[in-house]
C-alpha atoms as a PDB file:
ATOM      1  CA  MET A   1      21.494 -28.500  32.438  1.00  0.00           C
ATOM      2  CA  GLY A   2      22.068 -24.953  31.238  1.00  0.00           C
ATOM      3  CA  GLY A   3      23.490 -22.015  33.170  1.00  0.00           C
ATOM      4  CA  MET A   4      21.921 -18.641  33.890  1.00  0.00           C
ATOM      5  CA  GLY A   5      22.098 -15.789  31.404  1.00  0.00           C
ATOM      6  CA  ILE A   6      22.748 -12.129  32.216  1.00  0.00           C
ATOM      7  CA  ASN A   7      19.008 -11.497  32.280  1.00  0.00           C
ATOM      8  CA  GLY A   8      18.365 -14.450  34.575  1.00  0.00           C
ATOM      9  CA  ALA A   9      16.958 -16.745  31.881  1.00  0.00           C
ATOM     10  CA  ARG A  10      18.120 -20.342  31.907  1.00  0.00           C
ATOM     11  CA  LEU A  11      20.458 -21.205  29.074  1.00  0.00           C
ATOM     12  CA  GLN A  12      20.703 -24.435  27.162  1.00  0.00           C
ATOM     13  CA  PRO A  13      24.150 -26.073  27.424  1.00  0.00           C
ATOM     14  CA  ALA A  14      25.283 -24.891  23.973  1.00  0.00           C
ATOM     15  CA  HIS A  15      24.312 -21.324  24.701  1.00  0.00           C
ATOM     16  CA  ALA A  16      25.921 -21.466  28.115  1.00  0.00           C
ATOM     17  CA  ALA A  17      29.148 -22.472  26.355  1.00  0.00           C
ATOM     18  CA  ILE A  18      28.856 -19.430  24.127  1.00  0.00           C
ATOM     19  CA  VAL A  19      28.507 -17.164  27.144  1.00  0.00           C
ATOM     20  CA  ALA A  20      31.583 -18.753  28.733  1.00  0.00           C
ATOM     21  CA  ILE A  21      33.622 -18.156  25.579  1.00  0.00           C
ATOM     22  CA  LEU A  22      32.356 -14.590  25.400  1.00  0.00           C
ATOM     23  CA  ALA A  23      33.392 -13.990  28.976  1.00  0.00           C
ATOM     24  CA  GLY A  24      36.884 -15.209  28.118  1.00  0.00           C
ATOM     25  CA  THR A  25      36.972 -12.939  25.106  1.00  0.00           C
ATOM     26  CA  LEU A  26      36.144  -9.951  27.227  1.00  0.00           C
ATOM     27  CA  VAL A  27      38.770 -10.801  29.805  1.00  0.00           C
ATOM     28  CA  LEU A  28      41.315 -10.700  26.988  1.00  0.00           C
ATOM     29  CA  ALA A  29      39.859  -7.437  25.750  1.00  0.00           C
ATOM     30  CA  GLY A  30      39.495  -5.886  29.188  1.00  0.00           C
ATOM     31  CA  CYS A  31      35.776  -5.306  28.583  1.00  0.00           C
ATOM     32  CA  SER A  32      32.826  -5.124  30.915  1.00  0.00           C
ATOM     33  CA  THR A  33      29.110  -4.605  30.391  1.00  0.00           C
ATOM     34  CA  GLU A  34      28.455  -3.630  33.991  1.00  0.00           C
ATOM     35  CA  LYS A  35      27.213  -0.059  34.327  1.00  0.00           C
ATOM     36  CA  SER A  36      29.835   2.004  36.124  1.00  0.00           C
ATOM     37  CA  ASP A  37      29.203   5.105  38.199  1.00  0.00           C
ATOM     38  CA  ALA A  38      31.647   7.088  36.063  1.00  0.00           C
ATOM     39  CA  PRO A  39      31.857   6.087  32.391  1.00  0.00           C
ATOM     40  CA  ALA A  40      35.382   5.639  31.096  1.00  0.00           C
ATOM     41  CA  ALA A  41      36.774   8.553  29.133  1.00  0.00           C
ATOM     42  CA  ASN A  42      36.422   8.232  25.344  1.00  0.00           C
ATOM     43  CA  SER A  43      34.522   4.960  25.702  1.00  0.00           C
ATOM     44  CA  ASP A  44      31.880   5.781  23.084  1.00  0.00           C
ATOM     45  CA  PHE A  45      32.443   3.791  19.893  1.00  0.00           C
ATOM     46  CA  THR A  46      31.507   4.320  16.269  1.00  0.00           C
ATOM     47  CA  GLY A  47      30.353   2.156  13.409  1.00  0.00           C
ATOM     48  CA  ALA A  48      29.316   2.894   9.849  1.00  0.00           C
ATOM     49  CA  GLY A  49      27.891   1.102   6.868  1.00  0.00           C
ATOM     50  CA  ALA A  50      24.858  -0.964   5.936  1.00  0.00           C
ATOM     51  CA  THR A  51      21.384   0.517   6.263  1.00  0.00           C
ATOM     52  CA  PHE A  52      19.866  -3.010   6.136  1.00  0.00           C
ATOM     53  CA  PRO A  53      20.565  -3.632   9.894  1.00  0.00           C
ATOM     54  CA  ALA A  54      20.392   0.005  11.043  1.00  0.00           C
ATOM     55  CA  PRO A  55      17.033  -0.353  12.881  1.00  0.00           C
ATOM     56  CA  ILE A  56      18.259  -3.227  15.042  1.00  0.00           C
ATOM     57  CA  TYR A  57      21.626  -1.564  15.725  1.00  0.00           C
ATOM     58  CA  ALA A  58      19.730   1.517  16.894  1.00  0.00           C
ATOM     59  CA  LYS A  59      17.508  -0.550  19.177  1.00  0.00           C
ATOM     60  CA  TRP A  60      20.414  -2.561  20.572  1.00  0.00           C
ATOM     61  CA  GLY A  61      22.451   0.608  21.021  1.00  0.00           C
ATOM     62  CA  SER A  62      19.699   2.339  22.977  1.00  0.00           C
ATOM     63  CA  ALA A  63      19.318  -0.614  25.329  1.00  0.00           C
ATOM     64  CA  TYR A  64      23.069  -1.142  25.691  1.00  0.00           C
ATOM     65  CA  LYS A  65      23.635   2.465  26.733  1.00  0.00           C
ATOM     66  CA  LYS A  66      21.512   1.839  29.824  1.00  0.00           C
ATOM     67  CA  VAL A  67      23.780  -0.936  31.132  1.00  0.00           C
ATOM     68  CA  ALA A  68      27.281  -0.061  29.909  1.00  0.00           C
ATOM     69  CA  ALA A  69      29.738   2.796  29.920  1.00  0.00           C
ATOM     70  CA  GLY A  70      30.120   3.025  26.147  1.00  0.00           C
ATOM     71  CA  ALA A  71      27.516   4.383  23.719  1.00  0.00           C
ATOM     72  CA  LEU A  72      27.166   3.404  20.066  1.00  0.00           C
ATOM     73  CA  ASN A  73      27.230   6.020  17.323  1.00  0.00           C
ATOM     74  CA  TYR A  74      26.208   4.233  14.118  1.00  0.00           C
ATOM     75  CA  GLN A  75      26.156   5.955  10.725  1.00  0.00           C
ATOM     76  CA  ALA A  76      23.851   4.217   8.237  1.00  0.00           C
ATOM     77  CA  ILE A  77      25.651   5.273   5.051  1.00  0.00           C
ATOM     78  CA  GLY A  78      25.611   2.097   2.955  1.00  0.00           C
ATOM     79  CA  SER A  79      27.857  -0.954   2.865  1.00  0.00           C
ATOM     80  CA  GLY A  80      30.335   0.470   0.362  1.00  0.00           C
ATOM     81  CA  ALA A  81      30.944   3.585   2.440  1.00  0.00           C
ATOM     82  CA  GLY A  82      31.145   1.511   5.616  1.00  0.00           C
ATOM     83  CA  ILE A  83      33.853  -0.697   4.116  1.00  0.00           C
ATOM     84  CA  ALA A  84      35.763   2.395   3.003  1.00  0.00           C
ATOM     85  CA  GLN A  85      35.593   3.910   6.488  1.00  0.00           C
ATOM     86  CA  ILE A  86      36.836   0.807   8.312  1.00  0.00           C
ATOM     87  CA  LYS A  87      39.660   0.462   5.777  1.00  0.00           C
ATOM     88  CA  ALA A  88      40.616   4.067   6.564  1.00  0.00           C
ATOM     89  CA  ARG A  89      40.241   3.314  10.321  1.00  0.00           C
ATOM     90  CA  THR A  90      37.935   6.326  10.771  1.00  0.00           C
ATOM     91  CA  VAL A  91      35.383   4.149  12.626  1.00  0.00           C
ATOM     92  CA  ASP A  92      35.713   1.314  15.124  1.00  0.00           C
ATOM     93  CA  PHE A  93      33.721  -1.142  13.023  1.00  0.00           C
ATOM     94  CA  GLY A  94      32.285  -1.289   9.546  1.00  0.00           C
ATOM     95  CA  ALA A  95      29.056  -2.987   8.541  1.00  0.00           C
ATOM     96  CA  THR A  96      28.217  -4.623   5.239  1.00  0.00           C
ATOM     97  CA  ASP A  97      25.553  -6.921   3.797  1.00  0.00           C
ATOM     98  CA  ASP A  98      27.995  -7.852   1.026  1.00  0.00           C
ATOM     99  CA  PRO A  99      30.751  -9.715   2.867  1.00  0.00           C
ATOM    100  CA  MET A 100      34.374  -9.109   1.923  1.00  0.00           C
ATOM    101  CA  LYS A 101      36.370 -11.950   0.401  1.00  0.00           C
ATOM    102  CA  PRO A 102      39.066 -13.633   2.550  1.00  0.00           C
ATOM    103  CA  GLU A 103      41.941 -12.265   0.464  1.00  0.00           C
ATOM    104  CA  ALA A 104      40.581  -8.706   0.803  1.00  0.00           C
ATOM    105  CA  LEU A 105      40.195  -9.122   4.566  1.00  0.00           C
ATOM    106  CA  GLN A 106      43.782 -10.287   4.851  1.00  0.00           C
ATOM    107  CA  ALA A 107      45.090  -7.454   2.680  1.00  0.00           C
ATOM    108  CA  ASP A 108      43.272  -4.842   4.775  1.00  0.00           C
ATOM    109  CA  GLY A 109      44.013  -6.423   8.157  1.00  0.00           C
ATOM    110  CA  LEU A 110      40.350  -6.997   9.014  1.00  0.00           C
ATOM    111  CA  VAL A 111      38.208  -9.676  10.611  1.00  0.00           C
ATOM    112  CA  GLN A 112      34.580 -10.270   9.629  1.00  0.00           C
ATOM    113  CA  PHE A 113      31.684 -11.897  11.441  1.00  0.00           C
ATOM    114  CA  PRO A 114      27.881 -12.050  11.111  1.00  0.00           C
ATOM    115  CA  ALA A 115      25.691  -9.925  13.363  1.00  0.00           C
ATOM    116  CA  VAL A 116      22.054 -10.704  12.517  1.00  0.00           C
ATOM    117  CA  ILE A 117      19.943 -12.183   9.701  1.00  0.00           C
ATOM    118  CA  GLY A 118      17.247 -10.410   7.712  1.00  0.00           C
ATOM    119  CA  GLY A 119      14.961 -10.793   4.726  1.00  0.00           C
ATOM    120  CA  LEU A 120      14.980  -8.591   1.658  1.00  0.00           C
ATOM    121  CA  VAL A 121      11.532  -7.935   0.158  1.00  0.00           C
ATOM    122  CA  VAL A 122      10.082  -6.536  -3.048  1.00  0.00           C
ATOM    123  CA  ILE A 123       7.751  -3.583  -2.422  1.00  0.00           C
ATOM    124  CA  VAL A 124       5.212  -2.078  -4.823  1.00  0.00           C
ATOM    125  CA  ASN A 125       2.895   0.925  -4.964  1.00  0.00           C
ATOM    126  CA  VAL A 126       0.138  -0.124  -7.337  1.00  0.00           C
ATOM    127  CA  PRO A 127      -3.437   1.099  -6.748  1.00  0.00           C
ATOM    128  CA  GLY A 128      -5.936  -1.586  -5.813  1.00  0.00           C
ATOM    129  CA  LEU A 129      -3.382  -4.108  -4.569  1.00  0.00           C
ATOM    130  CA  GLN A 130      -3.187  -5.237  -0.954  1.00  0.00           C
ATOM    131  CA  ASN A 131      -0.142  -6.422   0.945  1.00  0.00           C
ATOM    132  CA  GLY A 132       0.896  -9.894  -0.191  1.00  0.00           C
ATOM    133  CA  GLN A 133      -1.647 -10.019  -3.005  1.00  0.00           C
ATOM    134  CA  LEU A 134       0.670  -9.596  -5.992  1.00  0.00           C
ATOM    135  CA  LYS A 135       2.612 -12.679  -7.125  1.00  0.00           C
ATOM    136  CA  LEU A 136       5.957 -12.276  -8.891  1.00  0.00           C
ATOM    137  CA  THR A 137       8.778 -14.518 -10.054  1.00  0.00           C
ATOM    138  CA  ALA A 138      12.482 -13.717 -10.277  1.00  0.00           C
ATOM    139  CA  PRO A 139      12.395 -13.503 -14.121  1.00  0.00           C
ATOM    140  CA  VAL A 140       9.456 -11.069 -14.004  1.00  0.00           C
ATOM    141  CA  VAL A 141      11.211  -8.974 -11.338  1.00  0.00           C
ATOM    142  CA  ALA A 142      14.273  -8.925 -13.602  1.00  0.00           C
ATOM    143  CA  ASP A 143      12.144  -7.729 -16.528  1.00  0.00           C
ATOM    144  CA  LEU A 144      10.600  -5.004 -14.357  1.00  0.00           C
ATOM    145  CA  PHE A 145      13.973  -3.654 -13.164  1.00  0.00           C
ATOM    146  CA  GLU A 146      15.616  -3.900 -16.586  1.00  0.00           C
ATOM    147  CA  GLY A 147      12.753  -2.064 -18.300  1.00  0.00           C
ATOM    148  CA  ARG A 148      11.414  -4.891 -20.458  1.00  0.00           C
ATOM    149  CA  ILE A 149       8.080  -4.738 -18.613  1.00  0.00           C
ATOM    150  CA  THR A 150       6.881  -1.149 -18.674  1.00  0.00           C
ATOM    151  CA  ARG A 151       3.245  -1.323 -17.482  1.00  0.00           C
ATOM    152  CA  TRP A 152       1.617  -3.108 -14.571  1.00  0.00           C
ATOM    153  CA  ASN A 153      -1.004  -4.826 -16.740  1.00  0.00           C
ATOM    154  CA  ASP A 154       1.689  -6.615 -18.758  1.00  0.00           C
ATOM    155  CA  ALA A 155       0.744 -10.129 -19.853  1.00  0.00           C
ATOM    156  CA  ALA A 156       3.582 -11.700 -17.837  1.00  0.00           C
ATOM    157  CA  ILE A 157       2.250 -10.197 -14.595  1.00  0.00           C
ATOM    158  CA  ALA A 158      -1.372 -10.983 -15.492  1.00  0.00           C
ATOM    159  CA  ALA A 159      -0.474 -14.639 -16.115  1.00  0.00           C
ATOM    160  CA  LEU A 160       0.855 -14.939 -12.550  1.00  0.00           C
ATOM    161  CA  ASN A 161      -2.197 -13.188 -11.098  1.00  0.00           C
ATOM    162  CA  PRO A 162      -5.321 -14.498 -12.892  1.00  0.00           C
ATOM    163  CA  GLY A 163      -8.501 -12.611 -12.138  1.00  0.00           C
ATOM    164  CA  MET A 164      -6.642  -9.639 -10.636  1.00  0.00           C
ATOM    165  CA  GLU A 165      -7.542  -6.215 -12.010  1.00  0.00           C
ATOM    166  CA  LEU A 166      -4.263  -4.698 -13.185  1.00  0.00           C
ATOM    167  CA  ARG A 167      -4.189  -1.150 -14.491  1.00  0.00           C
ATOM    168  CA  PRO A 168      -1.968   0.092 -17.363  1.00  0.00           C
ATOM    169  CA  ILE A 169       0.089   2.240 -14.999  1.00  0.00           C
ATOM    170  CA  PRO A 170       3.741   2.834 -16.006  1.00  0.00           C
ATOM    171  CA  VAL A 171       6.333   0.884 -14.000  1.00  0.00           C
ATOM    172  CA  THR A 172       9.010   2.905 -12.176  1.00  0.00           C
ATOM    173  CA  PRO A 173      11.780   0.829 -10.605  1.00  0.00           C
ATOM    174  CA  VAL A 174      13.407   2.329  -7.512  1.00  0.00           C
ATOM    175  CA  TYR A 175      16.951   1.238  -6.765  1.00  0.00           C
ATOM    176  CA  ARG A 176      19.760   2.213  -4.404  1.00  0.00           C
ATOM    177  CA  SER A 177      21.736   5.225  -5.588  1.00  0.00           C
ATOM    178  CA  ASP A 178      24.604   4.540  -3.149  1.00  0.00           C
ATOM    179  CA  SER A 179      27.059   1.632  -2.923  1.00  0.00           C
ATOM    180  CA  SER A 180      24.776  -0.859  -1.241  1.00  0.00           C
ATOM    181  CA  GLY A 181      25.033  -4.306   0.282  1.00  0.00           C
ATOM    182  CA  THR A 182      21.264  -4.551  -0.095  1.00  0.00           C
ATOM    183  CA  THR A 183      21.731  -4.080  -3.846  1.00  0.00           C
ATOM    184  CA  ALA A 184      24.428  -6.769  -3.774  1.00  0.00           C
ATOM    185  CA  VAL A 185      22.048  -9.228  -2.091  1.00  0.00           C
ATOM    186  CA  PHE A 186      19.206  -8.366  -4.483  1.00  0.00           C
ATOM    187  CA  THR A 187      21.313  -8.639  -7.635  1.00  0.00           C
ATOM    188  CA  LYS A 188      22.989 -11.866  -6.457  1.00  0.00           C
ATOM    189  CA  TYR A 189      19.507 -13.321  -6.007  1.00  0.00           C
ATOM    190  CA  LEU A 190      18.450 -12.276  -9.511  1.00  0.00           C
ATOM    191  CA  ALA A 191      21.713 -13.530 -11.001  1.00  0.00           C
ATOM    192  CA  LYS A 192      21.014 -16.898  -9.379  1.00  0.00           C
ATOM    193  CA  ALA A 193      17.244 -17.188  -9.905  1.00  0.00           C
ATOM    194  CA  ALA A 194      16.517 -15.244 -13.127  1.00  0.00           C
ATOM    195  CA  PRO A 195      18.198 -16.508 -16.332  1.00  0.00           C
ATOM    196  CA  ASN A 196      17.135 -13.295 -18.102  1.00  0.00           C
ATOM    197  CA  TRP A 197      18.981 -11.002 -15.641  1.00  0.00           C
ATOM    198  CA  THR A 198      21.788  -9.189 -17.486  1.00  0.00           C
ATOM    199  CA  LEU A 199      23.088  -6.528 -15.086  1.00  0.00           C
ATOM    200  CA  GLY A 200      25.401  -8.695 -13.016  1.00  0.00           C
ATOM    201  CA  ALA A 201      25.716  -8.637  -9.232  1.00  0.00           C
ATOM    202  CA  GLY A 202      27.338  -6.169  -6.872  1.00  0.00           C
ATOM    203  CA  LYS A 203      26.915  -3.169  -4.604  1.00  0.00           C
ATOM    204  CA  THR A 204      26.423  -0.964  -7.680  1.00  0.00           C
ATOM    205  CA  VAL A 205      25.057  -1.826 -11.123  1.00  0.00           C
ATOM    206  CA  SER A 206      24.139   0.274 -14.154  1.00  0.00           C
ATOM    207  CA  TRP A 207      20.358   0.476 -13.891  1.00  0.00           C
ATOM    208  CA  PRO A 208      18.826   1.202 -17.333  1.00  0.00           C
ATOM    209  CA  VAL A 209      15.537   2.673 -16.046  1.00  0.00           C
ATOM    210  CA  GLY A 210      13.980   4.024 -12.866  1.00  0.00           C
ATOM    211  CA  THR A 211      15.051   6.322 -10.064  1.00  0.00           C
ATOM    212  CA  GLY A 212      17.490   6.037  -7.181  1.00  0.00           C
ATOM    213  CA  GLY A 213      17.073   6.386  -3.442  1.00  0.00           C
ATOM    214  CA  LYS A 214      19.799   6.657  -0.806  1.00  0.00           C
ATOM    215  CA  GLY A 215      19.678   3.905   1.789  1.00  0.00           C
ATOM    216  CA  ASN A 216      16.874   1.457   2.492  1.00  0.00           C
ATOM    217  CA  ASP A 217      14.891   4.380   3.886  1.00  0.00           C
ATOM    218  CA  GLY A 218      15.337   6.345   0.656  1.00  0.00           C
ATOM    219  CA  VAL A 219      14.043   3.481  -1.476  1.00  0.00           C
ATOM    220  CA  ALA A 220      11.128   2.892   0.908  1.00  0.00           C
ATOM    221  CA  GLY A 221      10.232   6.595   0.811  1.00  0.00           C
ATOM    222  CA  ASN A 222      10.354   6.793  -2.974  1.00  0.00           C
ATOM    223  CA  VAL A 223       8.131   3.738  -3.347  1.00  0.00           C
ATOM    224  CA  LYS A 224       5.694   5.007  -0.730  1.00  0.00           C
ATOM    225  CA  ASN A 225       5.377   8.353  -2.509  1.00  0.00           C
ATOM    226  CA  GLY A 226       5.508   7.169  -6.119  1.00  0.00           C
ATOM    227  CA  LEU A 227       2.603   5.654  -8.028  1.00  0.00           C
ATOM    228  CA  GLY A 228       3.536   2.556 -10.027  1.00  0.00           C
ATOM    229  CA  THR A 229       6.854   2.070  -8.264  1.00  0.00           C
ATOM    230  CA  ILE A 230       8.672  -1.148  -7.341  1.00  0.00           C
ATOM    231  CA  GLY A 231      11.690  -1.391  -5.066  1.00  0.00           C
ATOM    232  CA  TYR A 232      13.699  -3.688  -2.772  1.00  0.00           C
ATOM    233  CA  VAL A 233      14.334  -3.117   0.936  1.00  0.00           C
ATOM    234  CA  GLU A 234      15.011  -4.989   4.155  1.00  0.00           C
ATOM    235  CA  TYR A 235      11.756  -6.268   5.677  1.00  0.00           C
ATOM    236  CA  ASN A 236      11.650  -3.817   8.602  1.00  0.00           C
ATOM    237  CA  TYR A 237      11.609  -0.811   6.271  1.00  0.00           C
ATOM    238  CA  ALA A 238       8.601  -2.239   4.409  1.00  0.00           C
ATOM    239  CA  SER A 239       6.762  -3.195   7.587  1.00  0.00           C
ATOM    240  CA  ALA A 240       7.414   0.092   9.407  1.00  0.00           C
ATOM    241  CA  ASN A 241       6.230   2.113   6.379  1.00  0.00           C
ATOM    242  CA  ARG A 242       3.231  -0.180   5.770  1.00  0.00           C
ATOM    243  CA  LEU A 243       4.305  -0.829   2.215  1.00  0.00           C
ATOM    244  CA  ASN A 244       2.809  -3.573   0.086  1.00  0.00           C
ATOM    245  CA  MET A 245       5.122  -6.557  -0.267  1.00  0.00           C
ATOM    246  CA  ALA A 246       4.869  -9.010  -3.139  1.00  0.00           C
ATOM    247  CA  LYS A 247       4.807 -12.769  -2.849  1.00  0.00           C
ATOM    248  CA  LEU A 248       7.769 -14.384  -4.610  1.00  0.00           C
ATOM    249  CA  ARG A 249       7.987 -17.818  -6.171  1.00  0.00           C
ATOM    250  CA  ASN A 250      10.751 -19.774  -4.478  1.00  0.00           C
ATOM    251  CA  ALA A 251      13.041 -22.516  -5.761  1.00  0.00           C
ATOM    252  CA  SER A 252      10.403 -25.138  -4.925  1.00  0.00           C
ATOM    253  CA  GLY A 253       7.839 -23.377  -7.120  1.00  0.00           C
ATOM    254  CA  GLN A 254       5.751 -22.022  -4.242  1.00  0.00           C
ATOM    255  CA  PHE A 255       4.611 -18.414  -3.861  1.00  0.00           C
ATOM    256  CA  VAL A 256       5.459 -17.337  -0.317  1.00  0.00           C
ATOM    257  CA  LEU A 257       5.072 -14.248   1.818  1.00  0.00           C
ATOM    258  CA  PRO A 258       7.988 -12.656   3.659  1.00  0.00           C
ATOM    259  CA  SER A 259       7.731 -13.528   7.356  1.00  0.00           C
ATOM    260  CA  ALA A 260       9.801 -14.709  10.295  1.00  0.00           C
ATOM    261  CA  ALA A 261       8.751 -18.273   9.465  1.00  0.00           C
ATOM    262  CA  SER A 262       9.793 -18.071   5.797  1.00  0.00           C
ATOM    263  CA  PHE A 263      13.093 -16.349   6.705  1.00  0.00           C
ATOM    264  CA  THR A 264      13.774 -19.081   9.261  1.00  0.00           C
ATOM    265  CA  ALA A 265      13.042 -21.741   6.653  1.00  0.00           C
ATOM    266  CA  ALA A 266      15.999 -20.385   4.665  1.00  0.00           C
ATOM    267  CA  ALA A 267      18.362 -19.678   7.580  1.00  0.00           C
ATOM    268  CA  SER A 268      17.818 -23.105   9.125  1.00  0.00           C
ATOM    269  CA  GLN A 269      19.354 -24.769   6.060  1.00  0.00           C
ATOM    270  CA  VAL A 270      22.793 -23.268   6.693  1.00  0.00           C
ATOM    271  CA  VAL A 271      25.476 -25.437   8.297  1.00  0.00           C
ATOM    272  CA  TRP A 272      27.218 -22.542  10.008  1.00  0.00           C
ATOM    273  CA  ALA A 273      30.030 -24.643  11.431  1.00  0.00           C
ATOM    274  CA  ALA A 274      31.117 -25.432   7.875  1.00  0.00           C
ATOM    275  CA  ALA A 275      30.304 -22.076   6.254  1.00  0.00           C
ATOM    276  CA  PRO A 276      33.523 -20.728   4.670  1.00  0.00           C
ATOM    277  CA  GLY A 277      34.601 -17.640   6.611  1.00  0.00           C
ATOM    278  CA  ALA A 278      31.281 -17.692   8.491  1.00  0.00           C
ATOM    279  CA  VAL A 279      29.626 -16.385   5.298  1.00  0.00           C
ATOM    280  CA  ALA A 280      26.380 -18.126   4.351  1.00  0.00           C
ATOM    281  CA  ASP A 281      24.446 -18.195   1.074  1.00  0.00           C
ATOM    282  CA  MET A 282      20.707 -18.108   1.854  1.00  0.00           C
ATOM    283  CA  LEU A 283      19.487 -17.071  -1.602  1.00  0.00           C
ATOM    284  CA  ASP A 284      16.935 -19.061  -3.626  1.00  0.00           C
ATOM    285  CA  LEU A 285      17.094 -22.169  -1.446  1.00  0.00           C
ATOM    286  CA  GLY A 286      14.632 -25.045  -1.681  1.00  0.00           C
ATOM    287  CA  GLY A 287      11.716 -25.755   0.632  1.00  0.00           C
ATOM    288  CA  VAL A 288       8.023 -25.037   0.205  1.00  0.00           C
ATOM    289  CA  GLU A 289       7.971 -22.390   2.965  1.00  0.00           C
ATOM    290  CA  THR A 290      11.338 -20.757   2.168  1.00  0.00           C
ATOM    291  CA  TRP A 291      11.627 -17.038   1.432  1.00  0.00           C
ATOM    292  CA  PRO A 292      14.121 -16.728  -1.443  1.00  0.00           C
ATOM    293  CA  ILE A 293      16.040 -13.574  -0.407  1.00  0.00           C
ATOM    294  CA  VAL A 294      17.543 -13.992   3.068  1.00  0.00           C
ATOM    295  CA  SER A 295      20.957 -12.728   4.137  1.00  0.00           C
ATOM    296  CA  ALA A 296      23.158 -12.200   7.141  1.00  0.00           C
ATOM    297  CA  THR A 297      24.717  -8.788   7.659  1.00  0.00           C
ATOM    298  CA  TYR A 298      28.362  -8.606   8.690  1.00  0.00           C
ATOM    299  CA  ILE A 299      30.688  -6.627  10.962  1.00  0.00           C
ATOM    300  CA  LEU A 300      34.263  -5.675  10.080  1.00  0.00           C
ATOM    301  CA  MET A 301      36.915  -4.873  12.696  1.00  0.00           C
ATOM    302  CA  PRO A 302      40.679  -4.305  12.450  1.00  0.00           C
ATOM    303  CA  LEU A 303      42.971  -7.050  13.690  1.00  0.00           C
ATOM    304  CA  ARG A 304      45.226  -4.375  15.181  1.00  0.00           C
ATOM    305  CA  PRO A 305      42.960  -1.506  16.232  1.00  0.00           C
ATOM    306  CA  SER A 306      44.432   1.904  16.888  1.00  0.00           C
ATOM    307  CA  ARG A 307      41.579   2.868  19.234  1.00  0.00           C
ATOM    308  CA  ILE A 308      41.898   0.106  21.797  1.00  0.00           C
ATOM    309  CA  GLU A 309      39.248   1.245  24.294  1.00  0.00           C
ATOM    310  CA  GLN A 310      36.648   1.894  21.595  1.00  0.00           C
ATOM    311  CA  THR A 311      37.279  -1.504  20.010  1.00  0.00           C
ATOM    312  CA  ARG A 312      36.876  -3.137  23.413  1.00  0.00           C
ATOM    313  CA  GLN A 313      33.535  -1.406  23.765  1.00  0.00           C
ATOM    314  CA  ALA A 314      32.451  -2.538  20.282  1.00  0.00           C
ATOM    315  CA  ILE A 315      33.306  -6.149  21.150  1.00  0.00           C
ATOM    316  CA  ALA A 316      31.417  -5.836  24.423  1.00  0.00           C
ATOM    317  CA  PHE A 317      28.438  -4.370  22.549  1.00  0.00           C
ATOM    318  CA  PHE A 318      28.131  -7.295  20.165  1.00  0.00           C
ATOM    319  CA  ARG A 319      28.677  -9.721  23.043  1.00  0.00           C
ATOM    320  CA  TRP A 320      25.811  -8.064  24.910  1.00  0.00           C
ATOM    321  CA  SER A 321      23.630  -8.034  21.787  1.00  0.00           C
ATOM    322  CA  TYR A 322      24.087 -11.753  21.166  1.00  0.00           C
ATOM    323  CA  GLU A 323      23.137 -12.491  24.758  1.00  0.00           C
ATOM    324  CA  ASN A 324      20.343  -9.941  25.255  1.00  0.00           C
ATOM    325  CA  GLY A 325      19.143  -8.767  21.838  1.00  0.00           C
ATOM    326  CA  ASP A 326      17.169 -11.705  20.425  1.00  0.00           C
ATOM    327  CA  ALA A 327      13.733 -10.389  21.400  1.00  0.00           C
ATOM    328  CA  ALA A 328      14.455  -6.950  19.932  1.00  0.00           C
ATOM    329  CA  ALA A 329      15.674  -8.529  16.693  1.00  0.00           C
ATOM    330  CA  ARG A 330      12.522 -10.598  16.327  1.00  0.00           C
ATOM    331  CA  GLU A 331      10.332  -7.587  17.172  1.00  0.00           C
ATOM    332  CA  LEU A 332      11.808  -5.723  14.190  1.00  0.00           C
ATOM    333  CA  GLY A 333      11.548  -8.687  11.826  1.00  0.00           C
ATOM    334  CA  TYR A 334      15.163  -9.881  11.953  1.00  0.00           C
ATOM    335  CA  LEU A 335      16.413 -13.325  12.959  1.00  0.00           C
ATOM    336  CA  PRO A 336      18.976 -13.715  15.763  1.00  0.00           C
ATOM    337  CA  LEU A 337      22.054 -15.695  14.808  1.00  0.00           C
ATOM    338  CA  PRO A 338      21.919 -19.443  15.438  1.00  0.00           C
ATOM    339  CA  GLU A 339      24.317 -20.639  18.128  1.00  0.00           C
ATOM    340  CA  ALA A 340      26.746 -22.097  15.592  1.00  0.00           C
ATOM    341  CA  ALA A 341      26.961 -18.723  13.837  1.00  0.00           C
ATOM    342  CA  GLU A 342      27.549 -16.991  17.184  1.00  0.00           C
ATOM    343  CA  LEU A 343      30.421 -19.351  17.898  1.00  0.00           C
ATOM    344  CA  ARG A 344      32.003 -18.505  14.547  1.00  0.00           C
ATOM    345  CA  ALA A 345      31.544 -14.793  15.264  1.00  0.00           C
ATOM    346  CA  ILE A 346      33.095 -15.133  18.709  1.00  0.00           C
ATOM    347  CA  GLY A 347      36.123 -16.819  17.226  1.00  0.00           C
ATOM    348  CA  GLU A 348      36.718 -13.793  15.003  1.00  0.00           C
ATOM    349  CA  MET A 349      36.219 -11.396  17.940  1.00  0.00           C
ATOM    350  CA  MET A 350      38.826 -13.293  19.908  1.00  0.00           C
ATOM    351  CA  ARG A 351      41.347 -12.656  17.146  1.00  0.00           C
ATOM    352  CA  VAL A 352      40.790  -8.921  17.657  1.00  0.00           C
ATOM    353  CA  ALA A 353      40.841  -9.219  21.430  1.00  0.00           C
ATOM    354  CA  LYS A 354      44.237 -10.887  21.436  1.00  0.00           C
END
């Protein structure tokens, strides 16, 4: 029989074990999430990096501030900049959708753990199309972003959408202008699923056509305001801006819509206990209901922090978010971590705490 959570909800045995481990972690770190009458001096903590999870970090941070002494200041500046800032130790944690390799973590004295899972979607602004109406495949998306398809009534698009009225509007790809983990996820997907993709994979690539936008919000804004545009953003940015999302053909040959159910269909295939470094590949997986572009987003912390109190608060924040933030994550279109992923994350936190 499970124990009781912080919010009074009954926990299943596995989750109760997670809470017990977390409590031990925080004893080591000297942390508490109880609201004190007088907040500790300099207990606010800072993070910087990925824009992909920024909406949920903001929501978690707002709720956490009501129950704890420390307050989160998160700068959504892109994964590349977030990695640079945690390497320079100018923030208490970095955030990236493109996880660092084990040898790089060791060289920079960092630990890495997943925070939440999200779906990346393809958004379009094409007159006459409704949300979820347009069908695309990875090779066609590759042709659109590499400039081989230049108009929306191209035969390759028409063949996927028989009977749909497609106008000869010029195609304008919108990509990230900053060093972006979202770009890394998107290009890794195309490198895996589109044989015709030639630009490689990474946080930055040399886009041959189109226009750039800074952050997920910049890409969403440019697509929203630009006729004939196509871009890629985390699901929440598309949903919040009421942008039209395309269906994508998955590895099982099915055209699926982005949704909590299709994201879960991908995430549920991961064996987190065996995932190397707690990093999971959820791109272009099989299954008739599976969305093909799903990714965790990751947190980076120093093994030997120079700002001890702020690091303690950051650990306490993620502990609180794992225990109390599932509903908020789902509300914004993210997936909470499975229990096995939480256990892996806690293990990395404990390395910092010690």
